[in-house]
C-alpha atoms as a PDB file:
ATOM      1  CA  UNK A   1       3.425  14.742  12.986  1.00  0.00           C
ATOM      2  CA  UNK A   2       0.424  12.753  11.656  1.00  0.00           C
ATOM      3  CA  UNK A   3      -2.203  10.187  12.725  1.00  0.00           C
ATOM      4  CA  UNK A   4      -4.467   7.629  11.266  1.00  0.00           C
ATOM      5  CA  UNK A   5      -8.098   8.440  11.589  1.00  0.00           C
ATOM      6  CA  UNK A   6     -11.357   8.073   9.851  1.00  0.00           C
ATOM      7  CA  UNK A   7     -11.864  10.577   6.845  1.00  0.00           C
ATOM      8  CA  UNK A   8     -15.396  11.426   5.812  1.00  0.00           C
ATOM      9  CA  UNK A   9     -16.234   9.553   2.481  1.00  0.00           C
ATOM     10  CA  UNK A  10     -12.959   7.901   2.448  1.00  0.00           C
ATOM     11  CA  UNK A  11     -12.620   5.437   5.252  1.00  0.00           C
ATOM     12  CA  UNK A  12      -9.213   5.669   6.953  1.00  0.00           C
ATOM     13  CA  UNK A  13      -6.672   8.293   6.035  1.00  0.00           C
ATOM     14  CA  UNK A  14      -3.647  10.245   7.271  1.00  0.00           C
ATOM     15  CA  UNK A  15      -4.044  13.649   8.900  1.00  0.00           C
ATOM     16  CA  UNK A  16      -1.469  16.043   9.991  1.00  0.00           C
ATOM     17  CA  UNK A  17      -1.243  16.700  13.790  1.00  0.00           C
ATOM     18  CA  UNK A  18       0.832  19.780  13.354  1.00  0.00           C
ATOM     19  CA  UNK A  19       1.934  22.160  10.538  1.00  0.00           C
ATOM     20  CA  UNK A  20       4.338  20.564   8.101  1.00  0.00           C
ATOM     21  CA  UNK A  21       6.600  22.568   6.007  1.00  0.00           C
ATOM     22  CA  UNK A  22       7.502  22.005   2.398  1.00  0.00           C
ATOM     23  CA  UNK A  23      10.201  19.288   1.886  1.00  0.00           C
ATOM     24  CA  UNK A  24       9.615  17.749   5.394  1.00  0.00           C
ATOM     25  CA  UNK A  25      10.067  14.012   5.487  1.00  0.00           C
ATOM     26  CA  UNK A  26       6.652  12.716   6.646  1.00  0.00           C
ATOM     27  CA  UNK A  27       7.403   8.973   6.683  1.00  0.00           C
ATOM     28  CA  UNK A  28      10.255   6.592   5.648  1.00  0.00           C
ATOM     29  CA  UNK A  29       9.393   2.897   5.469  1.00  0.00           C
ATOM     30  CA  UNK A  30      11.107  -0.295   4.102  1.00  0.00           C
ATOM     31  CA  UNK A  31       8.615  -2.095   1.874  1.00  0.00           C
ATOM     32  CA  UNK A  32       7.316  -5.505   2.666  1.00  0.00           C
ATOM     33  CA  UNK A  33       6.711  -8.273   0.026  1.00  0.00           C
ATOM     34  CA  UNK A  34       9.655  -7.360  -2.182  1.00  0.00           C
ATOM     35  CA  UNK A  35       8.404  -8.491  -5.521  1.00  0.00           C
ATOM     36  CA  UNK A  36       9.627  -6.954  -8.719  1.00  0.00           C
ATOM     37  CA  UNK A  37       6.713  -4.771  -9.810  1.00  0.00           C
ATOM     38  CA  UNK A  38       6.173  -1.914 -12.239  1.00  0.00           C
ATOM     39  CA  UNK A  39       3.674   1.080 -12.239  1.00  0.00           C
ATOM     40  CA  UNK A  40       1.373  -0.401 -14.897  1.00  0.00           C
ATOM     41  CA  UNK A  41      -1.220  -3.147 -14.684  1.00  0.00           C
ATOM     42  CA  UNK A  42       1.423  -5.320 -16.239  1.00  0.00           C
ATOM     43  CA  UNK A  43       3.103  -5.560 -12.979  1.00  0.00           C
ATOM     44  CA  UNK A  44       0.467  -8.198 -12.106  1.00  0.00           C
ATOM     45  CA  UNK A  45       2.557 -10.762 -13.908  1.00  0.00           C
ATOM     46  CA  UNK A  46       0.349 -13.580 -15.066  1.00  0.00           C
ATOM     47  CA  UNK A  47       3.103 -16.110 -14.421  1.00  0.00           C
ATOM     48  CA  UNK A  48       2.957 -18.357 -11.341  1.00  0.00           C
ATOM     49  CA  UNK A  49       6.296 -17.063 -10.314  1.00  0.00           C
ATOM     50  CA  UNK A  50       5.169 -13.618  -9.355  1.00  0.00           C
ATOM     51  CA  UNK A  51       1.933 -15.091  -7.583  1.00  0.00           C
ATOM     52  CA  UNK A  52       4.207 -17.489  -5.754  1.00  0.00           C
ATOM     53  CA  UNK A  53       6.514 -14.635  -4.677  1.00  0.00           C
ATOM     54  CA  UNK A  54       3.573 -12.655  -3.320  1.00  0.00           C
ATOM     55  CA  UNK A  55       2.261 -15.641  -1.240  1.00  0.00           C
ATOM     56  CA  UNK A  56       5.834 -16.552  -0.006  1.00  0.00           C
ATOM     57  CA  UNK A  57       6.560 -12.928   0.859  1.00  0.00           C
ATOM     58  CA  UNK A  58       3.507 -12.754   2.886  1.00  0.00           C
ATOM     59  CA  UNK A  59       4.173 -16.012   4.758  1.00  0.00           C
ATOM     60  CA  UNK A  60       7.682 -14.587   5.710  1.00  0.00           C
ATOM     61  CA  UNK A  61       6.243 -11.535   7.423  1.00  0.00           C
ATOM     62  CA  UNK A  62       5.941 -11.207  11.106  1.00  0.00           C
ATOM     63  CA  UNK A  63       2.439 -12.019  12.468  1.00  0.00           C
ATOM     64  CA  UNK A  64       1.834  -8.332  13.586  1.00  0.00           C
ATOM     65  CA  UNK A  65       2.726  -7.179   9.995  1.00  0.00           C
ATOM     66  CA  UNK A  66       0.527  -9.903   8.575  1.00  0.00           C
ATOM     67  CA  UNK A  67      -2.342  -8.557  10.608  1.00  0.00           C
ATOM     68  CA  UNK A  68      -1.666  -5.016   9.348  1.00  0.00           C
ATOM     69  CA  UNK A  69      -1.382  -6.047   5.850  1.00  0.00           C
ATOM     70  CA  UNK A  70      -4.697  -7.875   5.855  1.00  0.00           C
ATOM     71  CA  UNK A  71      -6.364  -4.844   7.059  1.00  0.00           C
ATOM     72  CA  UNK A  72      -5.076  -2.766   4.091  1.00  0.00           C
ATOM     73  CA  UNK A  73      -7.678  -1.606   1.479  1.00  0.00           C
ATOM     74  CA  UNK A  74      -8.728  -4.322  -1.008  1.00  0.00           C
ATOM     75  CA  UNK A  75     -10.475  -2.978  -4.056  1.00  0.00           C
ATOM     76  CA  UNK A  76     -11.464  -6.643  -4.969  1.00  0.00           C
ATOM     77  CA  UNK A  77     -13.897  -6.554  -1.922  1.00  0.00           C
ATOM     78  CA  UNK A  78     -16.553  -4.794  -4.275  1.00  0.00           C
ATOM     79  CA  UNK A  79     -19.207  -6.824  -5.961  1.00  0.00           C
ATOM     80  CA  UNK A  80     -17.543  -8.641  -8.770  1.00  0.00           C
ATOM     81  CA  UNK A  81     -19.970  -7.124 -11.229  1.00  0.00           C
ATOM     82  CA  UNK A  82     -18.436  -3.685 -10.474  1.00  0.00           C
ATOM     83  CA  UNK A  83     -14.817  -4.747 -11.113  1.00  0.00           C
ATOM     84  CA  UNK A  84     -13.035  -3.413 -14.243  1.00  0.00           C
ATOM     85  CA  UNK A  85     -12.195  -5.651 -17.129  1.00  0.00           C
ATOM     86  CA  UNK A  86      -8.476  -5.513 -16.200  1.00  0.00           C
ATOM     87  CA  UNK A  87      -9.240  -6.469 -12.642  1.00  0.00           C
ATOM     88  CA  UNK A  88     -11.435  -9.540 -13.723  1.00  0.00           C
ATOM     89  CA  UNK A  89      -8.552 -10.678 -15.973  1.00  0.00           C
ATOM     90  CA  UNK A  90      -6.123 -10.447 -13.192  1.00  0.00           C
ATOM     91  CA  UNK A  91      -8.341 -12.355 -10.909  1.00  0.00           C
ATOM     92  CA  UNK A  92      -8.677 -15.107 -13.454  1.00  0.00           C
ATOM     93  CA  UNK A  93      -4.886 -15.517 -14.130  1.00  0.00           C
ATOM     94  CA  UNK A  94      -4.088 -15.079 -10.388  1.00  0.00           C
ATOM     95  CA  UNK A  95      -6.497 -17.915  -9.352  1.00  0.00           C
ATOM     96  CA  UNK A  96      -5.222 -20.187 -11.987  1.00  0.00           C
ATOM     97  CA  UNK A  97      -1.718 -19.710 -10.794  1.00  0.00           C
ATOM     98  CA  UNK A  98      -2.663 -20.413  -7.193  1.00  0.00           C
ATOM     99  CA  UNK A  99      -4.524 -23.488  -8.178  1.00  0.00           C
ATOM    100  CA  UNK A 100      -1.159 -24.831  -9.487  1.00  0.00           C
ATOM    101  CA  UNK A 101       0.664 -24.142  -6.357  1.00  0.00           C
ATOM    102  CA  UNK A 102       1.164 -26.088  -3.016  1.00  0.00           C
ATOM    103  CA  UNK A 103      -0.905 -24.021  -0.500  1.00  0.00           C
ATOM    104  CA  UNK A 104      -0.369 -26.232   2.509  1.00  0.00           C
ATOM    105  CA  UNK A 105       0.569 -23.446   4.820  1.00  0.00           C
ATOM    106  CA  UNK A 106      -2.173 -21.007   3.733  1.00  0.00           C
ATOM    107  CA  UNK A 107      -5.838 -21.277   2.616  1.00  0.00           C
ATOM    108  CA  UNK A 108      -6.775 -20.512  -0.943  1.00  0.00           C
ATOM    109  CA  UNK A 109      -9.144 -17.757   0.323  1.00  0.00           C
ATOM    110  CA  UNK A 110      -6.305 -16.124   2.273  1.00  0.00           C
ATOM    111  CA  UNK A 111      -3.841 -16.429  -0.681  1.00  0.00           C
ATOM    112  CA  UNK A 112      -6.280 -14.787  -2.992  1.00  0.00           C
ATOM    113  CA  UNK A 113      -6.881 -11.962  -0.443  1.00  0.00           C
ATOM    114  CA  UNK A 114      -2.961 -11.457  -0.312  1.00  0.00           C
ATOM    115  CA  UNK A 115      -2.629 -11.144  -4.042  1.00  0.00           C
ATOM    116  CA  UNK A 116      -5.564  -8.839  -4.281  1.00  0.00           C
ATOM    117  CA  UNK A 117      -4.090  -6.517  -1.567  1.00  0.00           C
ATOM    118  CA  UNK A 118      -0.715  -6.538  -3.318  1.00  0.00           C
ATOM    119  CA  UNK A 119      -2.509  -5.524  -6.508  1.00  0.00           C
ATOM    120  CA  UNK A 120      -4.264  -2.755  -4.677  1.00  0.00           C
ATOM    121  CA  UNK A 121      -1.531  -1.206  -2.716  1.00  0.00           C
ATOM    122  CA  UNK A 122       1.831  -2.133  -4.243  1.00  0.00           C
ATOM    123  CA  UNK A 123       4.495   0.525  -5.242  1.00  0.00           C
ATOM    124  CA  UNK A 124       7.102  -0.445  -7.818  1.00  0.00           C
ATOM    125  CA  UNK A 125       9.191  -2.337  -5.166  1.00  0.00           C
ATOM    126  CA  UNK A 126       6.615  -3.846  -2.860  1.00  0.00           C
ATOM    127  CA  UNK A 127       3.911  -2.906  -0.377  1.00  0.00           C
ATOM    128  CA  UNK A 128       4.461  -0.307   2.513  1.00  0.00           C
ATOM    129  CA  UNK A 129       2.080  -1.040   5.451  1.00  0.00           C
ATOM    130  CA  UNK A 130       1.972   2.591   6.568  1.00  0.00           C
ATOM    131  CA  UNK A 131       2.348   4.497   3.277  1.00  0.00           C
ATOM    132  CA  UNK A 132      -0.556   2.391   1.755  1.00  0.00           C
ATOM    133  CA  UNK A 133      -2.827   4.290   4.281  1.00  0.00           C
ATOM    134  CA  UNK A 134      -2.430   7.602   2.506  1.00  0.00           C
ATOM    135  CA  UNK A 135      -5.343   8.432   0.276  1.00  0.00           C
ATOM    136  CA  UNK A 136      -5.336   9.813  -3.283  1.00  0.00           C
ATOM    137  CA  UNK A 137      -5.694  13.352  -4.516  1.00  0.00           C
ATOM    138  CA  UNK A 138      -5.180  14.638  -8.076  1.00  0.00           C
ATOM    139  CA  UNK A 139      -3.815  17.924  -6.189  1.00  0.00           C
ATOM    140  CA  UNK A 140      -1.667  16.023  -3.564  1.00  0.00           C
ATOM    141  CA  UNK A 141       0.236  17.791  -0.898  1.00  0.00           C
ATOM    142  CA  UNK A 142       2.859  15.161  -0.468  1.00  0.00           C
ATOM    143  CA  UNK A 143       4.698  12.751  -2.867  1.00  0.00           C
ATOM    144  CA  UNK A 144       6.436   9.303  -2.342  1.00  0.00           C
ATOM    145  CA  UNK A 145       9.773   8.476  -3.928  1.00  0.00           C
ATOM    146  CA  UNK A 146      11.984   5.455  -4.001  1.00  0.00           C
ATOM    147  CA  UNK A 147      15.102   6.238  -1.713  1.00  0.00           C
ATOM    148  CA  UNK A 148      17.731   4.209  -3.371  1.00  0.00           C
ATOM    149  CA  UNK A 149      20.424   5.262  -0.874  1.00  0.00           C
ATOM    150  CA  UNK A 150      18.517   3.672   1.938  1.00  0.00           C
ATOM    151  CA  UNK A 151      16.421   1.210  -0.061  1.00  0.00           C
ATOM    152  CA  UNK A 152      13.177   2.814   1.386  1.00  0.00           C
ATOM    153  CA  UNK A 153      10.040   4.469   0.317  1.00  0.00           C
ATOM    154  CA  UNK A 154       9.967   8.078   1.459  1.00  0.00           C
ATOM    155  CA  UNK A 155       7.017  10.584   1.668  1.00  0.00           C
ATOM    156  CA  UNK A 156       7.746  14.320   1.691  1.00  0.00           C
ATOM    157  CA  UNK A 157       5.584  17.333   1.885  1.00  0.00           C
ATOM    158  CA  UNK A 158       5.536  19.094  -1.712  1.00  0.00           C
ATOM    159  CA  UNK A 159       3.750  22.156  -0.137  1.00  0.00           C
ATOM    160  CA  UNK A 160       3.107  23.506   3.263  1.00  0.00           C
ATOM    161  CA  UNK A 161       0.531  21.389   5.156  1.00  0.00           C
ATOM    162  CA  UNK A 162      -1.856  22.756   7.874  1.00  0.00           C
ATOM    163  CA  UNK A 163      -2.455  21.142  11.073  1.00  0.00           C
ATOM    164  CA  UNK A 164      -5.774  18.941  10.710  1.00  0.00           C
ATOM    165  CA  UNK A 165      -5.267  18.778   6.920  1.00  0.00           C
ATOM    166  CA  UNK A 166      -5.446  15.312   5.308  1.00  0.00           C
ATOM    167  CA  UNK A 167      -2.114  14.248   3.634  1.00  0.00           C
ATOM    168  CA  UNK A 168      -2.663  12.779   0.221  1.00  0.00           C
ATOM    169  CA  UNK A 169      -0.514  11.279  -2.577  1.00  0.00           C
ATOM    170  CA  UNK A 170      -1.226  11.198  -6.278  1.00  0.00           C
ATOM    171  CA  UNK A 171      -1.922   7.584  -7.323  1.00  0.00           C
ATOM    172  CA  UNK A 172      -1.422   8.548 -10.961  1.00  0.00           C
ATOM    173  CA  UNK A 173       2.234   9.372 -11.010  1.00  0.00           C
ATOM    174  CA  UNK A 174       2.881   8.977 -14.660  1.00  0.00           C
ATOM    175  CA  UNK A 175      -0.432  10.233 -15.965  1.00  0.00           C
ATOM    176  CA  UNK A 176      -1.192  13.084 -13.603  1.00  0.00           C
ATOM    177  CA  UNK A 177      -1.514  15.583 -16.415  1.00  0.00           C
ATOM    178  CA  UNK A 178      -4.623  13.993 -17.903  1.00  0.00           C
ATOM    179  CA  UNK A 179      -8.120  15.921 -18.085  1.00  0.00           C
ATOM    180  CA  UNK A 180     -10.445  15.380 -15.175  1.00  0.00           C
ATOM    181  CA  UNK A 181     -12.596  12.807 -17.080  1.00  0.00           C
ATOM    182  CA  UNK A 182      -9.563  10.836 -17.982  1.00  0.00           C
ATOM    183  CA  UNK A 183      -8.155  11.010 -14.466  1.00  0.00           C
ATOM    184  CA  UNK A 184     -11.300   9.801 -13.055  1.00  0.00           C
ATOM    185  CA  UNK A 185     -11.722   7.021 -15.464  1.00  0.00           C
ATOM    186  CA  UNK A 186      -8.187   5.792 -14.723  1.00  0.00           C
ATOM    187  CA  UNK A 187      -8.775   5.860 -10.869  1.00  0.00           C
ATOM    188  CA  UNK A 188     -12.146   4.137 -11.266  1.00  0.00           C
ATOM    189  CA  UNK A 189     -10.437   1.381 -13.593  1.00  0.00           C
ATOM    190  CA  UNK A 190      -7.424   0.986 -11.445  1.00  0.00           C
ATOM    191  CA  UNK A 191      -8.762   1.591  -7.865  1.00  0.00           C
ATOM    192  CA  UNK A 192     -12.503   1.261  -8.068  1.00  0.00           C
ATOM    193  CA  UNK A 193     -13.424   4.398  -6.501  1.00  0.00           C
ATOM    194  CA  UNK A 194     -14.618   7.911  -7.897  1.00  0.00           C
ATOM    195  CA  UNK A 195     -12.216  10.642  -7.249  1.00  0.00           C
ATOM    196  CA  UNK A 196     -13.826  13.737  -5.535  1.00  0.00           C
ATOM    197  CA  UNK A 197     -10.574  15.662  -4.674  1.00  0.00           C
ATOM    198  CA  UNK A 198     -10.130  19.399  -4.820  1.00  0.00           C
ATOM    199  CA  UNK A 199      -9.097  19.253  -8.427  1.00  0.00           C
ATOM    200  CA  UNK A 200     -11.988  17.131  -9.483  1.00  0.00           C
ATOM    201  CA  UNK A 201     -14.502  19.247  -7.477  1.00  0.00           C
ATOM    202  CA  UNK A 202     -13.655  22.547  -9.052  1.00  0.00           C
ATOM    203  CA  UNK A 203     -16.339  24.861 -10.586  1.00  0.00           C
ATOM    204  CA  UNK A 204     -17.183  24.035 -14.263  1.00  0.00           C
ATOM    205  CA  UNK A 205     -15.406  27.000 -15.406  1.00  0.00           C
ATOM    206  CA  UNK A 206     -12.244  26.094 -13.522  1.00  0.00           C
ATOM    207  CA  UNK A 207     -12.446  22.585 -14.686  1.00  0.00           C
ATOM    208  CA  UNK A 208     -12.602  23.685 -18.354  1.00  0.00           C
ATOM    209  CA  UNK A 209      -9.745  25.873 -17.859  1.00  0.00           C
ATOM    210  CA  UNK A 210      -7.639  23.331 -16.285  1.00  0.00           C
ATOM    211  CA  UNK A 211      -8.674  20.681 -18.879  1.00  0.00           C
ATOM    212  CA  UNK A 212      -7.524  22.893 -21.675  1.00  0.00           C
ATOM    213  CA  UNK A 213      -4.051  23.189 -19.934  1.00  0.00           C
ATOM    214  CA  UNK A 214      -4.030  19.482 -19.732  1.00  0.00           C
ATOM    215  CA  UNK A 215      -4.762  18.880 -23.403  1.00  0.00           C
ATOM    216  CA  UNK A 216      -2.125  21.576 -24.399  1.00  0.00           C
ATOM    217  CA  UNK A 217       0.395  19.578 -22.065  1.00  0.00           C
ATOM    218  CA  UNK A 218      -0.468  16.398 -23.528  1.00  0.00           C
ATOM    219  CA  UNK A 219       0.106  17.826 -27.030  1.00  0.00           C
ATOM    220  CA  UNK A 220       3.586  18.848 -26.024  1.00  0.00           C
ATOM    221  CA  UNK A 221       4.257  15.418 -24.445  1.00  0.00           C
ATOM    222  CA  UNK A 222       3.393  13.723 -27.689  1.00  0.00           C
ATOM    223  CA  UNK A 223       5.518  16.274 -29.603  1.00  0.00           C
ATOM    224  CA  UNK A 224       8.557  15.472 -27.466  1.00  0.00           C
ATOM    225  CA  UNK A 225       7.884  11.774 -27.567  1.00  0.00           C
ATOM    226  CA  UNK A 226       7.770  11.774 -31.351  1.00  0.00           C
ATOM    227  CA  UNK A 227      11.163  13.565 -31.301  1.00  0.00           C
ATOM    228  CA  UNK A 228      12.546  10.729 -28.998  1.00  0.00           C
ATOM    229  CA  UNK A 229      11.380   8.045 -31.314  1.00  0.00           C
ATOM    230  CA  UNK A 230      12.752   9.856 -34.218  1.00  0.00           C
ATOM    231  CA  UNK A 231      16.201  10.277 -32.801  1.00  0.00           C
ATOM    232  CA  UNK A 232      16.555   7.181 -30.784  1.00  0.00           C
ATOM    233  CA  UNK A 233      16.682   8.998 -27.442  1.00  0.00           C
ATOM    234  CA  UNK A 234      19.758   8.000 -25.530  1.00  0.00           C
ATOM    235  CA  UNK A 235      18.828  11.138 -23.415  1.00  0.00           C
ATOM    236  CA  UNK A 236      19.179  13.337 -26.568  1.00  0.00           C
ATOM    237  CA  UNK A 237      22.663  12.288 -27.496  1.00  0.00           C
ATOM    238  CA  UNK A 238      21.669  11.452 -31.149  1.00  0.00           C
ATOM    239  CA  UNK A 239      22.645  13.664 -34.060  1.00  0.00           C
ATOM    240  CA  UNK A 240      20.162  16.296 -34.972  1.00  0.00           C
ATOM    241  CA  UNK A 241      19.050  17.349 -38.341  1.00  0.00           C
ATOM    242  CA  UNK A 242      19.180  21.099 -37.445  1.00  0.00           C
ATOM    243  CA  UNK A 243      19.512  23.589 -34.706  1.00  0.00           C
ATOM    244  CA  UNK A 244      15.996  24.661 -35.549  1.00  0.00           C
ATOM    245  CA  UNK A 245      14.720  21.246 -34.550  1.00  0.00           C
ATOM    246  CA  UNK A 246      16.558  21.218 -31.254  1.00  0.00           C
ATOM    247  CA  UNK A 247      15.307  24.662 -30.418  1.00  0.00           C
ATOM    248  CA  UNK A 248      11.699  23.452 -31.000  1.00  0.00           C
ATOM    249  CA  UNK A 249      12.080  20.512 -28.757  1.00  0.00           C
ATOM    250  CA  UNK A 250      13.737  22.512 -26.055  1.00  0.00           C
ATOM    251  CA  UNK A 251      11.016  25.249 -26.391  1.00  0.00           C
ATOM    252  CA  UNK A 252       8.346  22.389 -25.939  1.00  0.00           C
ATOM    253  CA  UNK A 253      10.036  21.240 -22.786  1.00  0.00           C
ATOM    254  CA  UNK A 254      10.092  24.880 -21.324  1.00  0.00           C
ATOM    255  CA  UNK A 255       6.475  25.159 -22.118  1.00  0.00           C
ATOM    256  CA  UNK A 256       5.720  21.846 -20.470  1.00  0.00           C
ATOM    257  CA  UNK A 257       7.630  22.907 -17.428  1.00  0.00           C
ATOM    258  CA  UNK A 258       5.599  26.203 -17.265  1.00  0.00           C
ATOM    259  CA  UNK A 259       2.376  24.478 -17.689  1.00  0.00           C
ATOM    260  CA  UNK A 260       3.171  21.854 -15.036  1.00  0.00           C
ATOM    261  CA  UNK A 261       3.852  24.444 -12.521  1.00  0.00           C
ATOM    262  CA  UNK A 262       0.728  26.308 -13.453  1.00  0.00           C
ATOM    263  CA  UNK A 263      -1.555  23.260 -13.542  1.00  0.00           C
ATOM    264  CA  UNK A 264      -0.133  21.968 -10.102  1.00  0.00           C
ATOM    265  CA  UNK A 265      -1.456  18.394 -10.671  1.00  0.00           C
ATOM    266  CA  UNK A 266       1.648  16.929 -12.391  1.00  0.00           C
ATOM    267  CA  UNK A 267       3.825  15.158  -9.875  1.00  0.00           C
ATOM    268  CA  UNK A 268       7.189  16.704  -9.082  1.00  0.00           C
ATOM    269  CA  UNK A 269       9.050  13.517  -9.780  1.00  0.00           C
ATOM    270  CA  UNK A 270       7.355  13.346 -13.263  1.00  0.00           C
ATOM    271  CA  UNK A 271       8.447  16.935 -13.991  1.00  0.00           C
ATOM    272  CA  UNK A 272      12.127  15.994 -13.279  1.00  0.00           C
ATOM    273  CA  UNK A 273      12.144  12.755 -15.189  1.00  0.00           C
ATOM    274  CA  UNK A 274      10.083  13.635 -18.181  1.00  0.00           C
ATOM    275  CA  UNK A 275      10.937  17.417 -18.593  1.00  0.00           C
ATOM    276  CA  UNK A 276      13.995  18.672 -16.781  1.00  0.00           C
ATOM    277  CA  UNK A 277      16.127  15.680 -17.183  1.00  0.00           C
ATOM    278  CA  UNK A 278      15.257  15.406 -20.905  1.00  0.00           C
ATOM    279  CA  UNK A 279      15.844  19.120 -21.453  1.00  0.00           C
ATOM    280  CA  UNK A 280      19.114  19.044 -19.596  1.00  0.00           C
ATOM    281  CA  UNK A 281      20.744  16.290 -21.677  1.00  0.00           C
ATOM    282  CA  UNK A 282      19.312  17.451 -25.084  1.00  0.00           C
ATOM    283  CA  UNK A 283      20.805  20.915 -24.274  1.00  0.00           C
ATOM    284  CA  UNK A 284      24.047  19.751 -22.987  1.00  0.00           C
ATOM    285  CA  UNK A 285      24.801  17.277 -25.721  1.00  0.00           C
ATOM    286  CA  UNK A 286      23.787  19.954 -28.307  1.00  0.00           C
ATOM    287  CA  UNK A 287      26.189  22.430 -26.779  1.00  0.00           C
ATOM    288  CA  UNK A 288      29.002  19.925 -26.764  1.00  0.00           C
ATOM    289  CA  UNK A 289      28.300  19.300 -30.487  1.00  0.00           C
ATOM    290  CA  UNK A 290      27.997  22.861 -31.732  1.00  0.00           C
ATOM    291  CA  UNK A 291      29.473  25.054 -29.052  1.00  0.00           C
ATOM    292  CA  UNK A 292      26.503  27.315 -29.251  1.00  0.00           C
ATOM    293  CA  UNK A 293      26.293  29.094 -25.805  1.00  0.00           C
ATOM    294  CA  UNK A 294      22.481  29.225 -25.395  1.00  0.00           C
ATOM    295  CA  UNK A 295      22.234  25.499 -25.313  1.00  0.00           C
ATOM    296  CA  UNK A 296      24.661  25.530 -22.401  1.00  0.00           C
ATOM    297  CA  UNK A 297      22.654  28.088 -20.620  1.00  0.00           C
ATOM    298  CA  UNK A 298      19.495  26.060 -21.265  1.00  0.00           C
ATOM    299  CA  UNK A 299      21.187  22.992 -19.689  1.00  0.00           C
ATOM    300  CA  UNK A 300      21.860  24.924 -16.595  1.00  0.00           C
ATOM    301  CA  UNK A 301      18.278  26.258 -16.300  1.00  0.00           C
ATOM    302  CA  UNK A 302      16.900  22.571 -16.578  1.00  0.00           C
ATOM    303  CA  UNK A 303      19.516  21.310 -14.097  1.00  0.00           C
ATOM    304  CA  UNK A 304      18.668  24.083 -11.508  1.00  0.00           C
ATOM    305  CA  UNK A 305      14.857  23.293 -11.715  1.00  0.00           C
ATOM    306  CA  UNK A 306      15.698  19.497 -11.222  1.00  0.00           C
ATOM    307  CA  UNK A 307      17.917  20.557  -8.259  1.00  0.00           C
ATOM    308  CA  UNK A 308      15.193  22.409  -6.504  1.00  0.00           C
ATOM    309  CA  UNK A 309      12.663  19.773  -6.921  1.00  0.00           C
ATOM    310  CA  UNK A 310      14.925  16.897  -5.981  1.00  0.00           C
ATOM    311  CA  UNK A 311      15.959  18.725  -2.714  1.00  0.00           C
ATOM    312  CA  UNK A 312      12.126  18.763  -1.947  1.00  0.00           C
ATOM    313  CA  UNK A 313      11.461  15.161  -2.888  1.00  0.00           C
ATOM    314  CA  UNK A 314      14.757  13.490  -1.656  1.00  0.00           C
ATOM    315  CA  UNK A 315      16.220  15.826   0.937  1.00  0.00           C
ATOM    316  CA  UNK A 316      19.516  17.778   0.462  1.00  0.00           C
ATOM    317  CA  UNK A 317      22.033  15.000   1.248  1.00  0.00           C
ATOM    318  CA  UNK A 318      20.600  12.267  -1.073  1.00  0.00           C
ATOM    319  CA  UNK A 319      22.762  11.214  -3.787  1.00  0.00           C
ATOM    320  CA  UNK A 320      20.016  12.003  -6.399  1.00  0.00           C
ATOM    321  CA  UNK A 321      19.767  15.509  -5.131  1.00  0.00           C
ATOM    322  CA  UNK A 322      23.644  15.803  -5.191  1.00  0.00           C
ATOM    323  CA  UNK A 323      23.767  14.769  -8.686  1.00  0.00           C
ATOM    324  CA  UNK A 324      21.498  17.506  -9.820  1.00  0.00           C
ATOM    325  CA  UNK A 325      23.291  20.020  -7.560  1.00  0.00           C
ATOM    326  CA  UNK A 326      26.545  19.258  -9.491  1.00  0.00           C
ATOM    327  CA  UNK A 327      24.874  19.444 -12.862  1.00  0.00           C
ATOM    328  CA  UNK A 328      23.468  22.827 -11.954  1.00  0.00           C
ATOM    329  CA  UNK A 329      26.694  24.110 -10.620  1.00  0.00           C
ATOM    330  CA  UNK A 330      25.700  24.251  -7.037  1.00  0.00           C
ATOM    331  CA  UNK A 331      28.294  23.180  -4.487  1.00  0.00           C
ATOM    332  CA  UNK A 332      27.575  19.863  -2.603  1.00  0.00           C
ATOM    333  CA  UNK A 333      26.411  20.211   0.964  1.00  0.00           C
END
């Protein structure tokens, strides 16, 4: 289905060896180095415990896996003068932690490289040796998710992929809606490379048009987040001041959904979690409180959208997809 090969301007990447249909499972992998990480820079816990877990996890790997791990991209291989402030701070804390450890079975140099590679390649539940080979694109044609049913990391096609086309993931899962300048700044800060993907290499007119949509989307995100702070969240279960306020929030979520589909750079999982899930619960609880029919209809619209995207991202039989099928009124397969 795919092969690892040199990609001009990117080093090594993943290229499709045949046509891949929307929703196809491209690869399923159990992560190595099962350390507790998050998607932000804070996952690089400055405590010695996390650093120790990284090194110990590496030492427990098979030799062949160790060899593959050490060949993964290491953003810290750049000249130290080119590293971001965040990366330099991480290096300082990581080295301090290693100096306080007993490294009798591994050299300091190798231990540092292990932590650097984890920092560069880790997902929220560890490092996947094969999935880490996928390059970034703001306009990705595949997406990775955590498959809790099987405790794996899955990559599926989110659009039809042509034979010979590079398969890319979006590294900015939770901030994929930002303007080009902001996306490029984040990528440079986090991964130390300049993004030159299709979305970043559009014409000036096209970039300006997309950026305007990104700014509008961000305005709606801020509006919805303000609502969440005001009413305590709990997935929208709090009491509302008025039907009008609820309608405004639901309308904002609908506009976000339309913009996200139009922009094409917002990750599908982010659409489910931040738009459709939120809209579903707000609408459902408001219907339960008031009995107003259109809130019930809205909840089904949001659930139906989440069901369709979940099937693409997780597959029809996954429990996450089944939950959304039930919420939308679809029969379980």
